[in-house]
Amino acid sequence: MGDRSTVIKLICFLKRKPGLSEEEFHKHWREVHGPLVKSTKSGQYAVAYEQNHRTEGPLEQMGAADFDGVTVQWYRSVDDFIASTREADYAQIADDMTKFLDTDKLTWILTEEAETVWDNRSS
């Protein structure tokens, strides 16, 4: 994992706070939380930060409605991820999460470098 191109990813499934509309959730995540993370020293440990907002439609019938989105945050190492949570300004991020997320329902995992099985985008 010492290679500079190697990354680990935090993949986190998000559920909105009870009582918050889907519109309020997505607006807060896009317009408040994302910019807040970017502005902090804690956020600077991330190589990339993705917001994947849930689509509407038939996928809801297959359980996709249980979550409102997925965040994928890329880090150079597990140590960088841990260090990001130990910065003093991480408290601002954690406090903001309680404003729009059901923090009891957060489901997350740290993953190793992705193994691409196939990629038809370049075909």
PDB file of N, CA and C in Angstrom:
ATOM      1  N   MET A   1       0.807  -1.212   0.000  1.00  0.00           N
ATOM      2  CA  MET A   1       0.000   0.000   0.000  1.00  0.00           C
ATOM      3  C   MET A   1       0.841   1.262   0.000  1.00  0.00           C
ATOM      4  N   GLY A   2       2.141   1.168  -0.043  1.00  0.00           N
ATOM      5  CA  GLY A   2       2.978   2.345  -0.033  1.00  0.00           C
ATOM      6  C   GLY A   2       2.985   3.110  -1.343  1.00  0.00           C
ATOM      7  N   ASP A   3       2.519   2.506  -2.412  1.00  0.00           N
ATOM      8  CA  ASP A   3       2.468   3.130  -3.730  1.00  0.00           C
ATOM      9  C   ASP A   3       1.542   4.338  -3.680  1.00  0.00           C
ATOM     10  N   ARG A   4       1.973   5.475  -4.237  1.00  0.00           N
ATOM     11  CA  ARG A   4       1.167   6.708  -4.180  1.00  0.00           C
ATOM     12  C   ARG A   4      -0.138   6.591  -4.949  1.00  0.00           C
ATOM     13  N   SER A   5      -0.225   5.665  -5.903  1.00  0.00           N
ATOM     14  CA  SER A   5      -1.459   5.520  -6.659  1.00  0.00           C
ATOM     15  C   SER A   5      -2.473   4.627  -5.941  1.00  0.00           C
ATOM     16  N   THR A   6      -2.027   3.923  -4.903  1.00  0.00           N
ATOM     17  CA  THR A   6      -2.912   3.031  -4.162  1.00  0.00           C
ATOM     18  C   THR A   6      -3.838   3.853  -3.278  1.00  0.00           C
ATOM     19  N   VAL A   7      -5.091   3.447  -3.256  1.00  0.00           N
ATOM     20  CA  VAL A   7      -6.047   4.127  -2.380  1.00  0.00           C
ATOM     21  C   VAL A   7      -6.903   3.081  -1.671  1.00  0.00           C
ATOM     22  N   ILE A   8      -7.390   3.467  -0.522  1.00  0.00           N
ATOM     23  CA  ILE A   8      -8.452   2.719   0.134  1.00  0.00           C
ATOM     24  C   ILE A   8      -9.684   3.616   0.046  1.00  0.00           C
ATOM     25  N   LYS A   9     -10.842   3.027   0.142  1.00  0.00           N
ATOM     26  CA  LYS A   9     -12.073   3.806   0.038  1.00  0.00           C
ATOM     27  C   LYS A   9     -12.951   3.567   1.254  1.00  0.00           C
ATOM     28  N   LEU A  10     -13.539   4.642   1.728  1.00  0.00           N
ATOM     29  CA  LEU A  10     -14.615   4.568   2.697  1.00  0.00           C
ATOM     30  C   LEU A  10     -15.888   4.587   1.859  1.00  0.00           C
ATOM     31  N   ILE A  11     -16.683   3.552   1.954  1.00  0.00           N
ATOM     32  CA  ILE A  11     -17.962   3.488   1.250  1.00  0.00           C
ATOM     33  C   ILE A  11     -19.035   3.459   2.323  1.00  0.00           C
ATOM     34  N   CYS A  12     -19.916   4.455   2.283  1.00  0.00           N
ATOM     35  CA  CYS A  12     -20.893   4.620   3.352  1.00  0.00           C
ATOM     36  C   CYS A  12     -22.287   4.817   2.765  1.00  0.00           C
ATOM     37  N   PHE A  13     -23.223   3.959   3.183  1.00  0.00           N
ATOM     38  CA  PHE A  13     -24.622   4.079   2.767  1.00  0.00           C
ATOM     39  C   PHE A  13     -25.325   5.010   3.742  1.00  0.00           C
ATOM     40  N   LEU A  14     -26.045   5.983   3.192  1.00  0.00           N
ATOM     41  CA  LEU A  14     -26.643   7.051   3.987  1.00  0.00           C
ATOM     42  C   LEU A  14     -28.164   6.978   3.989  1.00  0.00           C
ATOM     43  N   LYS A  15     -28.743   7.248   5.129  1.00  0.00           N
ATOM     44  CA  LYS A  15     -30.190   7.344   5.293  1.00  0.00           C
ATOM     45  C   LYS A  15     -30.483   8.697   5.910  1.00  0.00           C
ATOM     46  N   ARG A  16     -31.473   9.385   5.379  1.00  0.00           N
ATOM     47  CA  ARG A  16     -31.780  10.718   5.899  1.00  0.00           C
ATOM     48  C   ARG A  16     -32.392  10.641   7.295  1.00  0.00           C
ATOM     49  N   LYS A  17     -32.232  11.723   8.012  1.00  0.00           N
ATOM     50  CA  LYS A  17     -32.759  11.860   9.367  1.00  0.00           C
ATOM     51  C   LYS A  17     -34.288  11.781   9.321  1.00  0.00           C
ATOM     52  N   PRO A  18     -34.917  11.073  10.264  1.00  0.00           N
ATOM     53  CA  PRO A  18     -36.379  11.024  10.285  1.00  0.00           C
ATOM     54  C   PRO A  18     -36.968  12.435  10.329  1.00  0.00           C
ATOM     55  N   GLY A  19     -38.018  12.632   9.554  1.00  0.00           N
ATOM     56  CA  GLY A  19     -38.683  13.923   9.495  1.00  0.00           C
ATOM     57  C   GLY A  19     -38.143  14.851   8.423  1.00  0.00           C
ATOM     58  N   LEU A  20     -37.013  14.504   7.815  1.00  0.00           N
ATOM     59  CA  LEU A  20     -36.400  15.311   6.766  1.00  0.00           C
ATOM     60  C   LEU A  20     -36.881  14.792   5.407  1.00  0.00           C
ATOM     61  N   SER A  21     -37.331  15.689   4.552  1.00  0.00           N
ATOM     62  CA  SER A  21     -37.776  15.265   3.224  1.00  0.00           C
ATOM     63  C   SER A  21     -36.575  14.871   2.366  1.00  0.00           C
ATOM     64  N   GLU A  22     -36.832  14.118   1.309  1.00  0.00           N
ATOM     65  CA  GLU A  22     -35.753  13.749   0.389  1.00  0.00           C
ATOM     66  C   GLU A  22     -35.097  15.007  -0.176  1.00  0.00           C
ATOM     67  N   GLU A  23     -35.912  15.987  -0.543  1.00  0.00           N
ATOM     68  CA  GLU A  23     -35.384  17.231  -1.109  1.00  0.00           C
ATOM     69  C   GLU A  23     -34.476  17.951  -0.108  1.00  0.00           C
ATOM     70  N   GLU A  24     -34.912  18.041   1.141  1.00  0.00           N
ATOM     71  CA  GLU A  24     -34.099  18.701   2.170  1.00  0.00           C
ATOM     72  C   GLU A  24     -32.784  17.953   2.392  1.00  0.00           C
ATOM     73  N   PHE A  25     -32.869  16.615   2.415  1.00  0.00           N
ATOM     74  CA  PHE A  25     -31.680  15.791   2.607  1.00  0.00           C
ATOM     75  C   PHE A  25     -30.656  16.044   1.496  1.00  0.00           C
ATOM     76  N   HIS A  26     -31.082  15.907   0.240  1.00  0.00           N
ATOM     77  CA  HIS A  26     -30.151  16.053  -0.881  1.00  0.00           C
ATOM     78  C   HIS A  26     -29.592  17.473  -0.977  1.00  0.00           C
ATOM     79  N   LYS A  27     -30.428  18.458  -0.693  1.00  0.00           N
ATOM     80  CA  LYS A  27     -29.965  19.846  -0.730  1.00  0.00           C
ATOM     81  C   LYS A  27     -28.894  20.083   0.339  1.00  0.00           C
ATOM     82  N   HIS A  28     -29.134  19.603   1.551  1.00  0.00           N
ATOM     83  CA  HIS A  28     -28.163  19.802   2.627  1.00  0.00           C
ATOM     84  C   HIS A  28     -26.862  19.071   2.298  1.00  0.00           C
ATOM     85  N   TRP A  29     -26.954  17.846   1.834  1.00  0.00           N
ATOM     86  CA  TRP A  29     -25.762  17.066   1.527  1.00  0.00           C
ATOM     87  C   TRP A  29     -24.925  17.755   0.455  1.00  0.00           C
ATOM     88  N   ARG A  30     -25.608  18.263  -0.616  1.00  0.00           N
ATOM     89  CA  ARG A  30     -24.898  18.919  -1.719  1.00  0.00           C
ATOM     90  C   ARG A  30     -24.363  20.301  -1.332  1.00  0.00           C
ATOM     91  N   GLU A  31     -25.217  21.117  -0.733  1.00  0.00           N
ATOM     92  CA  GLU A  31     -24.913  22.533  -0.559  1.00  0.00           C
ATOM     93  C   GLU A  31     -24.256  22.895   0.774  1.00  0.00           C
ATOM     94  N   VAL A  32     -24.400  22.038   1.776  1.00  0.00           N
ATOM     95  CA  VAL A  32     -23.832  22.348   3.086  1.00  0.00           C
ATOM     96  C   VAL A  32     -22.730  21.353   3.457  1.00  0.00           C
ATOM     97  N   HIS A  33     -23.068  20.072   3.485  1.00  0.00           N
ATOM     98  CA  HIS A  33     -22.112  19.087   3.993  1.00  0.00           C
ATOM     99  C   HIS A  33     -20.882  18.934   3.101  1.00  0.00           C
ATOM    100  N   GLY A  34     -21.080  18.766   1.815  1.00  0.00           N
ATOM    101  CA  GLY A  34     -19.936  18.620   0.908  1.00  0.00           C
ATOM    102  C   GLY A  34     -18.962  19.783   1.004  1.00  0.00           C
ATOM    103  N   PRO A  35     -19.445  21.021   0.863  1.00  0.00           N
ATOM    104  CA  PRO A  35     -18.534  22.172   1.008  1.00  0.00           C
ATOM    105  C   PRO A  35     -17.886  22.252   2.396  1.00  0.00           C
ATOM    106  N   LEU A  36     -18.621  21.866   3.451  1.00  0.00           N
ATOM    107  CA  LEU A  36     -18.042  21.878   4.792  1.00  0.00           C
ATOM    108  C   LEU A  36     -16.859  20.910   4.862  1.00  0.00           C
ATOM    109  N   VAL A  37     -17.051  19.686   4.387  1.00  0.00           N
ATOM    110  CA  VAL A  37     -15.969  18.698   4.419  1.00  0.00           C
ATOM    111  C   VAL A  37     -14.756  19.227   3.663  1.00  0.00           C
ATOM    112  N   LYS A  38     -14.988  19.787   2.488  1.00  0.00           N
ATOM    113  CA  LYS A  38     -13.884  20.302   1.673  1.00  0.00           C
ATOM    114  C   LYS A  38     -13.127  21.421   2.389  1.00  0.00           C
ATOM    115  N   SER A  39     -13.810  22.209   3.196  1.00  0.00           N
ATOM    116  CA  SER A  39     -13.189  23.375   3.826  1.00  0.00           C
ATOM    117  C   SER A  39     -12.375  23.042   5.074  1.00  0.00           C
ATOM    118  N   THR A  40     -12.464  21.819   5.559  1.00  0.00           N
ATOM    119  CA  THR A  40     -11.798  21.472   6.810  1.00  0.00           C
ATOM    120  C   THR A  40     -10.434  20.824   6.582  1.00  0.00           C
ATOM    121  N   LYS A  41      -9.589  20.903   7.603  1.00  0.00           N
ATOM    122  CA  LYS A  41      -8.302  20.191   7.564  1.00  0.00           C
ATOM    123  C   LYS A  41      -8.569  18.691   7.523  1.00  0.00           C
ATOM    124  N   SER A  42      -9.568  18.246   8.255  1.00  0.00           N
ATOM    125  CA  SER A  42      -9.949  16.842   8.257  1.00  0.00           C
ATOM    126  C   SER A  42     -10.278  16.357   6.849  1.00  0.00           C
ATOM    127  N   GLY A  43     -11.027  17.162   6.107  1.00  0.00           N
ATOM    128  CA  GLY A  43     -11.415  16.813   4.743  1.00  0.00           C
ATOM    129  C   GLY A  43     -10.254  16.753   3.775  1.00  0.00           C
ATOM    130  N   GLN A  44      -9.176  17.436   4.093  1.00  0.00           N
ATOM    131  CA  GLN A  44      -8.027  17.481   3.186  1.00  0.00           C
ATOM    132  C   GLN A  44      -7.253  16.162   3.145  1.00  0.00           C
ATOM    133  N   TYR A  45      -7.506  15.267   4.062  1.00  0.00           N
ATOM    134  CA  TYR A  45      -6.873  13.944   4.017  1.00  0.00           C
ATOM    135  C   TYR A  45      -7.431  13.109   2.864  1.00  0.00           C
ATOM    136  N   ALA A  46      -8.642  13.398   2.445  1.00  0.00           N
ATOM    137  CA  ALA A  46      -9.262  12.634   1.364  1.00  0.00           C
ATOM    138  C   ALA A  46      -8.648  13.020   0.020  1.00  0.00           C
ATOM    139  N   VAL A  47      -8.420  12.013  -0.816  1.00  0.00           N
ATOM    140  CA  VAL A  47      -7.941  12.235  -2.184  1.00  0.00           C
ATOM    141  C   VAL A  47      -9.129  12.642  -3.059  1.00  0.00           C
ATOM    142  N   ALA A  48     -10.293  12.053  -2.783  1.00  0.00           N
ATOM    143  CA  ALA A  48     -11.517  12.362  -3.523  1.00  0.00           C
ATOM    144  C   ALA A  48     -12.709  12.115  -2.613  1.00  0.00           C
ATOM    145  N   TYR A  49     -13.776  12.846  -2.887  1.00  0.00           N
ATOM    146  CA  TYR A  49     -15.020  12.725  -2.115  1.00  0.00           C
ATOM    147  C   TYR A  49     -16.160  12.679  -3.119  1.00  0.00           C
ATOM    148  N   GLU A  50     -16.893  11.579  -3.133  1.00  0.00           N
ATOM    149  CA  GLU A  50     -18.014  11.421  -4.067  1.00  0.00           C
ATOM    150  C   GLU A  50     -19.334  11.420  -3.307  1.00  0.00           C
ATOM    151  N   GLN A  51     -20.328  12.038  -3.912  1.00  0.00           N
ATOM    152  CA  GLN A  51     -21.694  11.927  -3.432  1.00  0.00           C
ATOM    153  C   GLN A  51     -22.485  11.216  -4.524  1.00  0.00           C
ATOM    154  N   ASN A  52     -23.090  10.114  -4.176  1.00  0.00           N
ATOM    155  CA  ASN A  52     -23.913   9.343  -5.109  1.00  0.00           C
ATOM    156  C   ASN A  52     -25.340   9.364  -4.586  1.00  0.00           C
ATOM    157  N   HIS A  53     -26.160  10.219  -5.198  1.00  0.00           N
ATOM    158  CA  HIS A  53     -27.541  10.400  -4.761  1.00  0.00           C
ATOM    159  C   HIS A  53     -28.416   9.334  -5.403  1.00  0.00           C
ATOM    160  N   ARG A  54     -29.326   8.764  -4.621  1.00  0.00           N
ATOM    161  CA  ARG A  54     -30.191   7.682  -5.090  1.00  0.00           C
ATOM    162  C   ARG A  54     -31.089   8.142  -6.241  1.00  0.00           C
ATOM    163  N   THR A  55     -31.253   7.268  -7.214  1.00  0.00           N
ATOM    164  CA  THR A  55     -32.169   7.553  -8.318  1.00  0.00           C
ATOM    165  C   THR A  55     -33.591   7.177  -7.899  1.00  0.00           C
ATOM    166  N   GLU A  56     -34.530   7.702  -8.603  1.00  0.00           N
ATOM    167  CA  GLU A  56     -35.929   7.346  -8.382  1.00  0.00           C
ATOM    168  C   GLU A  56     -36.306   6.260  -9.383  1.00  0.00           C
ATOM    169  N   GLY A  57     -37.316   5.474  -9.071  1.00  0.00           N
ATOM    170  CA  GLY A  57     -37.785   4.504 -10.042  1.00  0.00           C
ATOM    171  C   GLY A  57     -37.902   3.101  -9.487  1.00  0.00           C
ATOM    172  N   PRO A  58     -37.941   2.134 -10.385  1.00  0.00           N
ATOM    173  CA  PRO A  58     -38.250   0.757 -10.003  1.00  0.00           C
ATOM    174  C   PRO A  58     -37.253   0.108  -9.057  1.00  0.00           C
ATOM    175  N   LEU A  59     -36.034   0.631  -8.952  1.00  0.00           N
ATOM    176  CA  LEU A  59     -35.078   0.039  -8.033  1.00  0.00           C
ATOM    177  C   LEU A  59     -35.560   0.099  -6.595  1.00  0.00           C
ATOM    178  N   GLU A  60     -36.459   1.031  -6.301  1.00  0.00           N
ATOM    179  CA  GLU A  60     -37.000   1.137  -4.951  1.00  0.00           C
ATOM    180  C   GLU A  60     -37.676  -0.166  -4.533  1.00  0.00           C
ATOM    181  N   GLN A  61     -38.202  -0.917  -5.498  1.00  0.00           N
ATOM    182  CA  GLN A  61     -38.889  -2.169  -5.201  1.00  0.00           C
ATOM    183  C   GLN A  61     -37.906  -3.267  -4.801  1.00  0.00           C
ATOM    184  N   MET A  62     -36.622  -3.055  -5.012  1.00  0.00           N
ATOM    185  CA  MET A  62     -35.618  -4.070  -4.676  1.00  0.00           C
ATOM    186  C   MET A  62     -34.806  -3.674  -3.450  1.00  0.00           C
ATOM    187  N   GLY A  63     -35.343  -2.794  -2.611  1.00  0.00           N
ATOM    188  CA  GLY A  63     -34.668  -2.437  -1.369  1.00  0.00           C
ATOM    189  C   GLY A  63     -33.822  -1.192  -1.440  1.00  0.00           C
ATOM    190  N   ALA A  64     -33.665  -0.601  -2.619  1.00  0.00           N
ATOM    191  CA  ALA A  64     -32.832   0.590  -2.737  1.00  0.00           C
ATOM    192  C   ALA A  64     -33.394   1.761  -1.941  1.00  0.00           C
ATOM    193  N   ALA A  65     -34.686   1.716  -1.635  1.00  0.00           N
ATOM    194  CA  ALA A  65     -35.302   2.815  -0.896  1.00  0.00           C
ATOM    195  C   ALA A  65     -34.830   2.863   0.554  1.00  0.00           C
ATOM    196  N   ASP A  66     -34.125   1.824   1.015  1.00  0.00           N
ATOM    197  CA  ASP A  66     -33.641   1.826   2.389  1.00  0.00           C
ATOM    198  C   ASP A  66     -32.576   2.890   2.627  1.00  0.00           C
ATOM    199  N   PHE A  67     -31.933   3.332   1.546  1.00  0.00           N
ATOM    200  CA  PHE A  67     -30.883   4.338   1.660  1.00  0.00           C
ATOM    201  C   PHE A  67     -31.147   5.473   0.690  1.00  0.00           C
ATOM    202  N   ASP A  68     -30.655   6.655   1.041  1.00  0.00           N
ATOM    203  CA  ASP A  68     -30.860   7.839   0.201  1.00  0.00           C
ATOM    204  C   ASP A  68     -29.654   8.181  -0.644  1.00  0.00           C
ATOM    205  N   GLY A  69     -28.512   7.572  -0.339  1.00  0.00           N
ATOM    206  CA  GLY A  69     -27.314   7.834  -1.121  1.00  0.00           C
ATOM    207  C   GLY A  69     -26.125   7.072  -0.579  1.00  0.00           C
ATOM    208  N   VAL A  70     -25.032   7.207  -1.309  1.00  0.00           N
ATOM    209  CA  VAL A  70     -23.773   6.555  -0.934  1.00  0.00           C
ATOM    210  C   VAL A  70     -22.662   7.583  -1.097  1.00  0.00           C
ATOM    211  N   THR A  71     -21.821   7.683  -0.102  1.00  0.00           N
ATOM    212  CA  THR A  71     -20.627   8.502  -0.243  1.00  0.00           C
ATOM    213  C   THR A  71     -19.434   7.571  -0.394  1.00  0.00           C
ATOM    214  N   VAL A  72     -18.527   7.947  -1.281  1.00  0.00           N
ATOM    215  CA  VAL A  72     -17.278   7.214  -1.451  1.00  0.00           C
ATOM    216  C   VAL A  72     -16.160   8.225  -1.250  1.00  0.00           C
ATOM    217  N   GLN A  73     -15.344   7.967  -0.266  1.00  0.00           N
ATOM    218  CA  GLN A  73     -14.224   8.859   0.034  1.00  0.00           C
ATOM    219  C   GLN A  73     -12.939   8.066  -0.148  1.00  0.00           C
ATOM    220  N   TRP A  74     -12.024   8.624  -0.926  1.00  0.00           N
ATOM    221  CA  TRP A  74     -10.774   7.960  -1.253  1.00  0.00           C
ATOM    222  C   TRP A  74      -9.660   8.501  -0.367  1.00  0.00           C
ATOM    223  N   TYR A  75      -8.852   7.608   0.173  1.00  0.00           N
ATOM    224  CA  TYR A  75      -7.707   7.971   1.009  1.00  0.00           C
ATOM    225  C   TYR A  75      -6.481   7.202   0.540  1.00  0.00           C
ATOM    226  N   ARG A  76      -5.305   7.749   0.780  1.00  0.00           N
ATOM    227  CA  ARG A  76      -4.065   7.057   0.402  1.00  0.00           C
ATOM    228  C   ARG A  76      -3.763   5.873   1.317  1.00  0.00           C
ATOM    229  N   SER A  77      -4.327   5.885   2.539  1.00  0.00           N
ATOM    230  CA  SER A  77      -4.062   4.798   3.488  1.00  0.00           C
ATOM    231  C   SER A  77      -5.127   4.801   4.588  1.00  0.00           C
ATOM    232  N   VAL A  78      -5.190   3.700   5.292  1.00  0.00           N
ATOM    233  CA  VAL A  78      -6.072   3.618   6.459  1.00  0.00           C
ATOM    234  C   VAL A  78      -5.622   4.642   7.500  1.00  0.00           C
ATOM    235  N   ASP A  79      -4.306   4.813   7.629  1.00  0.00           N
ATOM    236  CA  ASP A  79      -3.778   5.792   8.585  1.00  0.00           C
ATOM    237  C   ASP A  79      -4.274   7.200   8.266  1.00  0.00           C
ATOM    238  N   ASP A  80      -4.348   7.561   6.966  1.00  0.00           N
ATOM    239  CA  ASP A  80      -4.867   8.883   6.593  1.00  0.00           C
ATOM    240  C   ASP A  80      -6.339   9.013   6.968  1.00  0.00           C
ATOM    241  N   PHE A  81      -7.110   7.953   6.758  1.00  0.00           N
ATOM    242  CA  PHE A  81      -8.523   7.989   7.147  1.00  0.00           C
ATOM    243  C   PHE A  81      -8.648   8.225   8.650  1.00  0.00           C
ATOM    244  N   ILE A  82      -7.905   7.453   9.426  1.00  0.00           N
ATOM    245  CA  ILE A  82      -7.962   7.590  10.887  1.00  0.00           C
ATOM    246  C   ILE A  82      -7.514   8.984  11.313  1.00  0.00           C
ATOM    247  N   ALA A  83      -6.442   9.481  10.721  1.00  0.00           N
ATOM    248  CA  ALA A  83      -5.948  10.822  11.057  1.00  0.00           C
ATOM    249  C   ALA A  83      -7.005  11.889  10.765  1.00  0.00           C
ATOM    250  N   SER A  84      -7.760  11.702   9.690  1.00  0.00           N
ATOM    251  CA  SER A  84      -8.787  12.695   9.342  1.00  0.00           C
ATOM    252  C   SER A  84      -9.842  12.809  10.435  1.00  0.00           C
ATOM    253  N   THR A  85     -10.149  11.691  11.084  1.00  0.00           N
ATOM    254  CA  THR A  85     -11.174  11.702  12.137  1.00  0.00           C
ATOM    255  C   THR A  85     -10.636  12.226  13.462  1.00  0.00           C
ATOM    256  N   ARG A  86      -9.324  12.391  13.545  1.00  0.00           N
ATOM    257  CA  ARG A  86      -8.711  12.886  14.783  1.00  0.00           C
ATOM    258  C   ARG A  86      -8.403  14.380  14.753  1.00  0.00           C
ATOM    259  N   GLU A  87      -8.613  15.009  13.609  1.00  0.00           N
ATOM    260  CA  GLU A  87      -8.422  16.464  13.525  1.00  0.00           C
ATOM    261  C   GLU A  87      -9.485  17.163  14.368  1.00  0.00           C
ATOM    262  N   ALA A  88      -9.115  18.265  14.972  1.00  0.00           N
ATOM    263  CA  ALA A  88     -10.052  19.007  15.827  1.00  0.00           C
ATOM    264  C   ALA A  88     -11.305  19.432  15.065  1.00  0.00           C
ATOM    265  N   ASP A  89     -11.155  19.797  13.787  1.00  0.00           N
ATOM    266  CA  ASP A  89     -12.319  20.267  13.037  1.00  0.00           C
ATOM    267  C   ASP A  89     -13.230  19.138  12.551  1.00  0.00           C
ATOM    268  N   TYR A  90     -12.855  17.883  12.804  1.00  0.00           N
ATOM    269  CA  TYR A  90     -13.753  16.777  12.466  1.00  0.00           C
ATOM    270  C   TYR A  90     -15.061  16.896  13.257  1.00  0.00           C
ATOM    271  N   ALA A  91     -15.006  17.518  14.422  1.00  0.00           N
ATOM    272  CA  ALA A  91     -16.211  17.716  15.232  1.00  0.00           C
ATOM    273  C   ALA A  91     -17.275  18.506  14.467  1.00  0.00           C
ATOM    274  N   GLN A  92     -16.851  19.453  13.625  1.00  0.00           N
ATOM    275  CA  GLN A  92     -17.804  20.213  12.801  1.00  0.00           C
ATOM    276  C   GLN A  92     -18.510  19.286  11.816  1.00  0.00           C
ATOM    277  N   ILE A  93     -17.753  18.378  11.216  1.00  0.00           N
ATOM    278  CA  ILE A  93     -18.326  17.424  10.259  1.00  0.00           C
ATOM    279  C   ILE A  93     -19.295  16.496  10.981  1.00  0.00           C
ATOM    280  N   ALA A  94     -18.872  15.956  12.111  1.00  0.00           N
ATOM    281  CA  ALA A  94     -19.721  15.049  12.879  1.00  0.00           C
ATOM    282  C   ALA A  94     -21.002  15.738  13.340  1.00  0.00           C
ATOM    283  N   ASP A  95     -20.889  16.991  13.772  1.00  0.00           N
ATOM    284  CA  ASP A  95     -22.069  17.744  14.200  1.00  0.00           C
ATOM    285  C   ASP A  95     -23.024  17.967  13.027  1.00  0.00           C
ATOM    286  N   ASP A  96     -22.476  18.301  11.857  1.00  0.00           N
ATOM    287  CA  ASP A  96     -23.329  18.525  10.690  1.00  0.00           C
ATOM    288  C   ASP A  96     -24.029  17.237  10.267  1.00  0.00           C
ATOM    289  N   MET A  97     -23.373  16.108  10.424  1.00  0.00           N
ATOM    290  CA  MET A  97     -23.988  14.833  10.042  1.00  0.00           C
ATOM    291  C   MET A  97     -25.296  14.614  10.805  1.00  0.00           C
ATOM    292  N   THR A  98     -25.352  15.048  12.051  1.00  0.00           N
ATOM    293  CA  THR A  98     -26.567  14.848  12.851  1.00  0.00           C
ATOM    294  C   THR A  98     -27.727  15.711  12.366  1.00  0.00           C
ATOM    295  N   LYS A  99     -27.439  16.701  11.539  1.00  0.00           N
ATOM    296  CA  LYS A  99     -28.485  17.598  11.042  1.00  0.00           C
ATOM    297  C   LYS A  99     -29.253  17.022   9.858  1.00  0.00           C
ATOM    298  N   PHE A 100     -28.657  16.039   9.144  1.00  0.00           N
ATOM    299  CA  PHE A 100     -29.357  15.519   7.968  1.00  0.00           C
ATOM    300  C   PHE A 100     -29.304  13.998   7.819  1.00  0.00           C
ATOM    301  N   LEU A 101     -28.481  13.324   8.624  1.00  0.00           N
ATOM    302  CA  LEU A 101     -28.354  11.869   8.529  1.00  0.00           C
ATOM    303  C   LEU A 101     -28.955  11.168   9.733  1.00  0.00           C
ATOM    304  N   ASP A 102     -29.489   9.991   9.492  1.00  0.00           N
ATOM    305  CA  ASP A 102     -29.864   9.093  10.578  1.00  0.00           C
ATOM    306  C   ASP A 102     -28.580   8.353  10.936  1.00  0.00           C
ATOM    307  N   THR A 103     -27.820   8.902  11.866  1.00  0.00           N
ATOM    308  CA  THR A 103     -26.486   8.380  12.167  1.00  0.00           C
ATOM    309  C   THR A 103     -26.528   6.970  12.754  1.00  0.00           C
ATOM    310  N   ASP A 104     -27.668   6.557  13.315  1.00  0.00           N
ATOM    311  CA  ASP A 104     -27.800   5.184  13.812  1.00  0.00           C
ATOM    312  C   ASP A 104     -27.893   4.170  12.667  1.00  0.00           C
ATOM    313  N   LYS A 105     -28.225   4.654  11.471  1.00  0.00           N
ATOM    314  CA  LYS A 105     -28.401   3.755  10.321  1.00  0.00           C
ATOM    315  C   LYS A 105     -27.215   3.797   9.354  1.00  0.00           C
ATOM    316  N   LEU A 106     -26.151   4.530   9.690  1.00  0.00           N
ATOM    317  CA  LEU A 106     -24.988   4.573   8.801  1.00  0.00           C
ATOM    318  C   LEU A 106     -24.404   3.170   8.660  1.00  0.00           C
ATOM    319  N   THR A 107     -24.157   2.781   7.431  1.00  0.00           N
ATOM    320  CA  THR A 107     -23.541   1.484   7.137  1.00  0.00           C
ATOM    321  C   THR A 107     -22.324   1.765   6.287  1.00  0.00           C
ATOM    322  N   TRP A 108     -21.137   1.374   6.782  1.00  0.00           N
ATOM    323  CA  TRP A 108     -19.924   1.728   6.059  1.00  0.00           C
ATOM    324  C   TRP A 108     -18.877   0.626   6.137  1.00  0.00           C
ATOM    325  N   ILE A 109     -17.931   0.733   5.197  1.00  0.00           N
ATOM    326  CA  ILE A 109     -16.828  -0.217   5.121  1.00  0.00           C
ATOM    327  C   ILE A 109     -15.617   0.502   4.531  1.00  0.00           C
ATOM    328  N   LEU A 110     -14.437   0.112   4.973  1.00  0.00           N
ATOM    329  CA  LEU A 110     -13.199   0.557   4.330  1.00  0.00           C
ATOM    330  C   LEU A 110     -12.775  -0.566   3.388  1.00  0.00           C
ATOM    331  N   THR A 111     -12.485  -0.209   2.139  1.00  0.00           N
ATOM    332  CA  THR A 111     -12.123  -1.227   1.159  1.00  0.00           C
ATOM    333  C   THR A 111     -10.706  -1.020   0.649  1.00  0.00           C
ATOM    334  N   GLU A 112     -10.129  -2.096   0.151  1.00  0.00           N
ATOM    335  CA  GLU A 112      -8.820  -2.039  -0.491  1.00  0.00           C
ATOM    336  C   GLU A 112      -8.983  -1.435  -1.879  1.00  0.00           C
ATOM    337  N   GLU A 113      -7.848  -1.286  -2.566  1.00  0.00           N
ATOM    338  CA  GLU A 113      -7.844  -0.821  -3.954  1.00  0.00           C
ATOM    339  C   GLU A 113      -8.841  -1.652  -4.766  1.00  0.00           C
ATOM    340  N   ALA A 114      -9.614  -0.998  -5.609  1.00  0.00           N
ATOM    341  CA  ALA A 114     -10.611  -1.690  -6.425  1.00  0.00           C
ATOM    342  C   ALA A 114      -9.945  -2.625  -7.433  1.00  0.00           C
ATOM    343  N   GLU A 115     -10.595  -3.738  -7.677  1.00  0.00           N
ATOM    344  CA  GLU A 115     -10.170  -4.669  -8.722  1.00  0.00           C
ATOM    345  C   GLU A 115     -11.218  -4.582  -9.823  1.00  0.00           C
ATOM    346  N   THR A 116     -10.862  -3.984 -10.939  1.00  0.00           N
ATOM    347  CA  THR A 116     -11.811  -3.826 -12.038  1.00  0.00           C
ATOM    348  C   THR A 116     -11.903  -5.145 -12.791  1.00  0.00           C
ATOM    349  N   VAL A 117     -13.091  -5.730 -12.805  1.00  0.00           N
ATOM    350  CA  VAL A 117     -13.325  -7.003 -13.490  1.00  0.00           C
ATOM    351  C   VAL A 117     -13.513  -6.738 -14.986  1.00  0.00           C
ATOM    352  N   TRP A 118     -14.285  -5.712 -15.325  1.00  0.00           N
ATOM    353  CA  TRP A 118     -14.385  -5.228 -16.690  1.00  0.00           C
ATOM    354  C   TRP A 118     -14.875  -3.797 -16.669  1.00  0.00           C
ATOM    355  N   ASP A 119     -14.625  -3.092 -17.752  1.00  0.00           N
ATOM    356  CA  ASP A 119     -15.006  -1.690 -17.877  1.00  0.00           C
ATOM    357  C   ASP A 119     -15.324  -1.427 -19.339  1.00  0.00           C
ATOM    358  N   ASN A 120     -16.591  -1.324 -19.660  1.00  0.00           N
ATOM    359  CA  ASN A 120     -17.023  -1.123 -21.043  1.00  0.00           C
ATOM    360  C   ASN A 120     -17.067   0.344 -21.448  1.00  0.00           C
ATOM    361  N   ARG A 121     -16.693   1.246 -20.553  1.00  0.00           N
ATOM    362  CA  ARG A 121     -16.750   2.669 -20.889  1.00  0.00           C
ATOM    363  C   ARG A 121     -15.783   3.047 -21.982  1.00  0.00           C
ATOM    364  N   SER A 122     -14.668   2.361 -22.110  1.00  0.00           N
ATOM    365  CA  SER A 122     -13.673   2.735 -23.119  1.00  0.00           C
ATOM    366  C   SER A 122     -13.865   1.973 -24.424  1.00  0.00           C
ATOM    367  N   SER A 123     -14.877   1.143 -24.518  1.00  0.00           N
ATOM    368  CA  SER A 123     -15.111   0.358 -25.750  1.00  0.00           C
ATOM    369  C   SER A 123     -15.748   1.186 -26.837  1.00  0.00           C
TER     370      SER A 123
END
